[in-house]
Amino acid sequence: MQSLKMVFMSEEPPIYLLPFALGDLFANANARGYITLADRYGLMAAILDESLPEEEKRSVDRLIRSICKGRIKVIDEISTIA
């Protein structure tokens, strides 16, 4: 069973958080009032990043709370860049 688990784990591409991406994500989400699909991938990368500083973890938590409370909408567009 161990080898089967390793096969599945090795097939998944690694998820990396781009440097300074969270600051942009938070600023854009608050200014626009929504997050895109690309923003959600950034959030996922941040959540999975075990080395994320505590301040950024708190920012991620605040953004998720804003989404849950409906202050920030989730849209299905990949990006809003025209």
N, C-alpha and C. Protein backbone atom coordinates (compact mmCIF):
# COMPACT_ATOMS: atom_id res chain seq x y z
N MET A 1 0.83 -1.19 0.00
CA MET A 1 0.00 0.00 0.00
C MET A 1 0.87 1.25 0.00
N GLN A 2 2.00 1.20 0.65
CA GLN A 2 2.90 2.34 0.72
C GLN A 2 3.35 2.77 -0.67
N SER A 3 3.72 1.80 -1.53
CA SER A 3 4.20 2.14 -2.86
C SER A 3 3.09 2.76 -3.70
N LEU A 4 1.84 2.32 -3.52
CA LEU A 4 0.72 2.89 -4.25
C LEU A 4 0.53 4.36 -3.87
N LYS A 5 0.68 4.66 -2.61
CA LYS A 5 0.56 6.04 -2.13
C LYS A 5 1.66 6.89 -2.74
N MET A 6 2.86 6.40 -2.82
CA MET A 6 3.97 7.17 -3.37
C MET A 6 3.76 7.43 -4.86
N VAL A 7 3.16 6.49 -5.57
CA VAL A 7 2.89 6.69 -6.99
C VAL A 7 1.92 7.85 -7.17
N PHE A 8 0.86 7.87 -6.39
CA PHE A 8 -0.10 8.96 -6.50
C PHE A 8 0.51 10.29 -6.10
N MET A 9 1.31 10.30 -5.08
CA MET A 9 1.93 11.53 -4.63
C MET A 9 2.90 12.08 -5.66
N SER A 10 3.61 11.20 -6.36
CA SER A 10 4.60 11.68 -7.30
C SER A 10 3.96 12.20 -8.59
N GLU A 11 2.71 11.84 -8.87
CA GLU A 11 2.04 12.30 -10.07
C GLU A 11 1.47 13.70 -9.93
N GLU A 12 1.26 14.15 -8.73
CA GLU A 12 0.70 15.48 -8.53
C GLU A 12 1.79 16.52 -8.69
N PRO A 13 1.52 17.56 -9.48
CA PRO A 13 2.53 18.60 -9.63
C PRO A 13 2.66 19.40 -8.34
N PRO A 14 3.85 19.84 -8.02
CA PRO A 14 4.02 20.64 -6.80
C PRO A 14 3.34 22.00 -6.96
N ILE A 15 2.90 22.54 -5.85
CA ILE A 15 2.24 23.84 -5.84
C ILE A 15 3.18 24.82 -5.16
N TYR A 16 3.53 25.87 -5.88
CA TYR A 16 4.45 26.88 -5.35
C TYR A 16 3.76 28.23 -5.28
N LEU A 17 4.06 28.95 -4.23
CA LEU A 17 3.55 30.30 -4.04
C LEU A 17 4.60 31.27 -4.57
N LEU A 18 4.21 32.14 -5.47
CA LEU A 18 5.14 33.11 -6.02
C LEU A 18 5.46 34.16 -4.95
N PRO A 19 6.72 34.61 -4.90
CA PRO A 19 7.08 35.64 -3.93
C PRO A 19 6.22 36.89 -4.13
N PHE A 20 5.79 37.47 -3.07
CA PHE A 20 4.99 38.70 -3.04
C PHE A 20 3.60 38.53 -3.64
N ALA A 21 3.20 37.31 -3.98
CA ALA A 21 1.89 37.09 -4.60
C ALA A 21 0.76 37.34 -3.60
N LEU A 22 0.97 37.01 -2.35
CA LEU A 22 -0.11 37.17 -1.37
C LEU A 22 -0.48 38.63 -1.16
N GLY A 23 0.50 39.48 -1.09
CA GLY A 23 0.21 40.91 -0.91
C GLY A 23 -0.65 41.44 -2.03
N ASP A 24 -0.31 41.08 -3.26
CA ASP A 24 -1.10 41.50 -4.42
C ASP A 24 -2.49 40.89 -4.37
N LEU A 25 -2.57 39.62 -4.00
CA LEU A 25 -3.86 38.94 -3.93
C LEU A 25 -4.78 39.63 -2.92
N PHE A 26 -4.27 39.93 -1.74
CA PHE A 26 -5.08 40.58 -0.71
C PHE A 26 -5.53 41.96 -1.15
N ALA A 27 -4.60 42.74 -1.71
CA ALA A 27 -4.93 44.10 -2.13
C ALA A 27 -5.97 44.07 -3.25
N ASN A 28 -5.78 43.20 -4.23
CA ASN A 28 -6.73 43.13 -5.35
C ASN A 28 -8.10 42.64 -4.90
N ALA A 29 -8.13 41.64 -4.05
CA ALA A 29 -9.41 41.10 -3.58
C ALA A 29 -10.20 42.16 -2.82
N ASN A 30 -9.52 42.90 -1.99
CA ASN A 30 -10.22 43.94 -1.21
C ASN A 30 -10.65 45.10 -2.09
N ALA A 31 -9.84 45.47 -3.08
CA ALA A 31 -10.19 46.58 -3.97
C ALA A 31 -11.33 46.20 -4.92
N ARG A 32 -11.29 44.99 -5.47
CA ARG A 32 -12.27 44.55 -6.45
C ARG A 32 -13.53 43.97 -5.81
N GLY A 33 -13.37 43.33 -4.66
CA GLY A 33 -14.50 42.69 -4.00
C GLY A 33 -14.74 41.27 -4.47
N TYR A 34 -13.78 40.68 -5.18
CA TYR A 34 -13.90 39.30 -5.62
C TYR A 34 -12.52 38.69 -5.83
N ILE A 35 -12.48 37.35 -5.89
CA ILE A 35 -11.27 36.64 -6.25
C ILE A 35 -11.56 35.76 -7.46
N THR A 36 -10.55 35.58 -8.28
CA THR A 36 -10.66 34.78 -9.50
C THR A 36 -10.16 33.36 -9.24
N LEU A 37 -10.24 32.53 -10.27
CA LEU A 37 -9.72 31.17 -10.18
C LEU A 37 -8.22 31.19 -9.91
N ALA A 38 -7.49 32.08 -10.56
CA ALA A 38 -6.06 32.20 -10.32
C ALA A 38 -5.77 32.60 -8.87
N ASP A 39 -6.60 33.49 -8.32
CA ASP A 39 -6.45 33.90 -6.93
C ASP A 39 -6.66 32.70 -5.99
N ARG A 40 -7.63 31.85 -6.34
CA ARG A 40 -7.91 30.67 -5.51
C ARG A 40 -6.73 29.72 -5.50
N TYR A 41 -6.06 29.57 -6.64
CA TYR A 41 -4.87 28.73 -6.67
C TYR A 41 -3.77 29.34 -5.80
N GLY A 42 -3.67 30.66 -5.79
CA GLY A 42 -2.71 31.32 -4.92
C GLY A 42 -3.02 31.08 -3.45
N LEU A 43 -4.30 31.14 -3.11
CA LEU A 43 -4.71 30.85 -1.73
C LEU A 43 -4.40 29.41 -1.36
N MET A 44 -4.66 28.50 -2.28
CA MET A 44 -4.37 27.09 -2.02
C MET A 44 -2.87 26.89 -1.77
N ALA A 45 -2.05 27.52 -2.60
CA ALA A 45 -0.60 27.41 -2.42
C ALA A 45 -0.19 27.97 -1.07
N ALA A 46 -0.79 29.08 -0.67
CA ALA A 46 -0.46 29.69 0.63
C ALA A 46 -0.85 28.76 1.78
N ILE A 47 -2.02 28.16 1.68
CA ILE A 47 -2.48 27.27 2.74
C ILE A 47 -1.58 26.05 2.86
N LEU A 48 -1.09 25.56 1.73
CA LEU A 48 -0.23 24.37 1.74
C LEU A 48 1.23 24.67 2.07
N ASP A 49 1.60 25.94 2.10
CA ASP A 49 2.98 26.34 2.37
C ASP A 49 3.21 26.34 3.88
N GLU A 50 3.92 25.34 4.36
CA GLU A 50 4.16 25.21 5.80
C GLU A 50 5.13 26.25 6.33
N SER A 51 5.87 26.91 5.46
CA SER A 51 6.84 27.90 5.90
C SER A 51 6.29 29.32 5.85
N LEU A 52 5.00 29.47 5.61
CA LEU A 52 4.38 30.78 5.52
C LEU A 52 4.49 31.50 6.86
N PRO A 53 4.94 32.76 6.86
CA PRO A 53 5.04 33.50 8.12
C PRO A 53 3.66 33.67 8.78
N GLU A 54 3.67 33.78 10.08
CA GLU A 54 2.43 33.88 10.85
C GLU A 54 1.56 35.05 10.40
N GLU A 55 2.16 36.17 10.10
CA GLU A 55 1.39 37.35 9.65
C GLU A 55 0.62 37.05 8.36
N GLU A 56 1.26 36.34 7.43
CA GLU A 56 0.58 36.00 6.18
C GLU A 56 -0.49 34.95 6.40
N LYS A 57 -0.28 34.04 7.35
CA LYS A 57 -1.32 33.06 7.69
C LYS A 57 -2.57 33.77 8.20
N ARG A 58 -2.37 34.78 9.03
CA ARG A 58 -3.50 35.55 9.55
C ARG A 58 -4.22 36.29 8.42
N SER A 59 -3.46 36.80 7.46
CA SER A 59 -4.07 37.47 6.31
C SER A 59 -4.90 36.51 5.47
N VAL A 60 -4.38 35.30 5.28
CA VAL A 60 -5.14 34.27 4.55
C VAL A 60 -6.43 33.98 5.30
N ASP A 61 -6.36 33.84 6.62
CA ASP A 61 -7.55 33.57 7.42
C ASP A 61 -8.58 34.70 7.28
N ARG A 62 -8.11 35.95 7.31
CA ARG A 62 -9.02 37.09 7.17
C ARG A 62 -9.71 37.07 5.80
N LEU A 63 -8.94 36.77 4.76
CA LEU A 63 -9.52 36.72 3.42
C LEU A 63 -10.57 35.61 3.31
N ILE A 64 -10.27 34.46 3.87
CA ILE A 64 -11.23 33.34 3.84
C ILE A 64 -12.48 33.69 4.63
N ARG A 65 -12.32 34.36 5.77
CA ARG A 65 -13.49 34.80 6.53
C ARG A 65 -14.34 35.78 5.73
N SER A 66 -13.68 36.69 5.01
CA SER A 66 -14.41 37.65 4.18
C SER A 66 -15.20 36.95 3.08
N ILE A 67 -14.62 35.90 2.52
CA ILE A 67 -15.32 35.12 1.50
C ILE A 67 -16.52 34.41 2.12
N CYS A 68 -16.32 33.79 3.27
CA CYS A 68 -17.42 33.06 3.94
C CYS A 68 -18.57 33.99 4.32
N LYS A 69 -18.24 35.22 4.70
CA LYS A 69 -19.27 36.17 5.11
C LYS A 69 -19.90 36.90 3.93
N GLY A 70 -19.38 36.66 2.72
CA GLY A 70 -19.96 37.26 1.53
C GLY A 70 -19.43 38.63 1.18
N ARG A 71 -18.44 39.12 1.91
CA ARG A 71 -17.88 40.43 1.59
C ARG A 71 -16.99 40.37 0.35
N ILE A 72 -16.39 39.22 0.11
CA ILE A 72 -15.57 38.97 -1.08
C ILE A 72 -16.26 37.86 -1.86
N LYS A 73 -16.53 38.10 -3.13
CA LYS A 73 -17.19 37.10 -3.99
C LYS A 73 -16.13 36.21 -4.63
N VAL A 74 -16.55 35.02 -5.04
CA VAL A 74 -15.71 34.07 -5.77
C VAL A 74 -16.28 33.97 -7.18
N ILE A 75 -15.47 34.34 -8.18
CA ILE A 75 -15.95 34.25 -9.56
C ILE A 75 -15.19 33.15 -10.29
N ASP A 76 -15.76 32.65 -11.38
CA ASP A 76 -15.19 31.53 -12.09
C ASP A 76 -14.27 31.94 -13.24
N GLU A 77 -13.97 33.21 -13.39
CA GLU A 77 -13.04 33.64 -14.41
C GLU A 77 -11.61 33.27 -13.99
N ILE A 78 -10.78 32.95 -14.97
CA ILE A 78 -9.40 32.60 -14.66
C ILE A 78 -8.65 33.83 -14.19
N SER A 79 -8.84 34.94 -14.89
CA SER A 79 -8.15 36.18 -14.57
C SER A 79 -8.98 37.33 -15.07
N THR A 80 -8.73 38.50 -14.53
CA THR A 80 -9.46 39.69 -14.98
C THR A 80 -8.58 40.56 -15.86
N ILE A 81 -7.40 40.08 -16.21
CA ILE A 81 -6.50 40.85 -17.07
C ILE A 81 -7.07 40.84 -18.49
N ALA A 82 -7.24 42.02 -19.06
CA ALA A 82 -7.82 42.10 -20.42
C ALA A 82 -6.74 42.21 -21.47
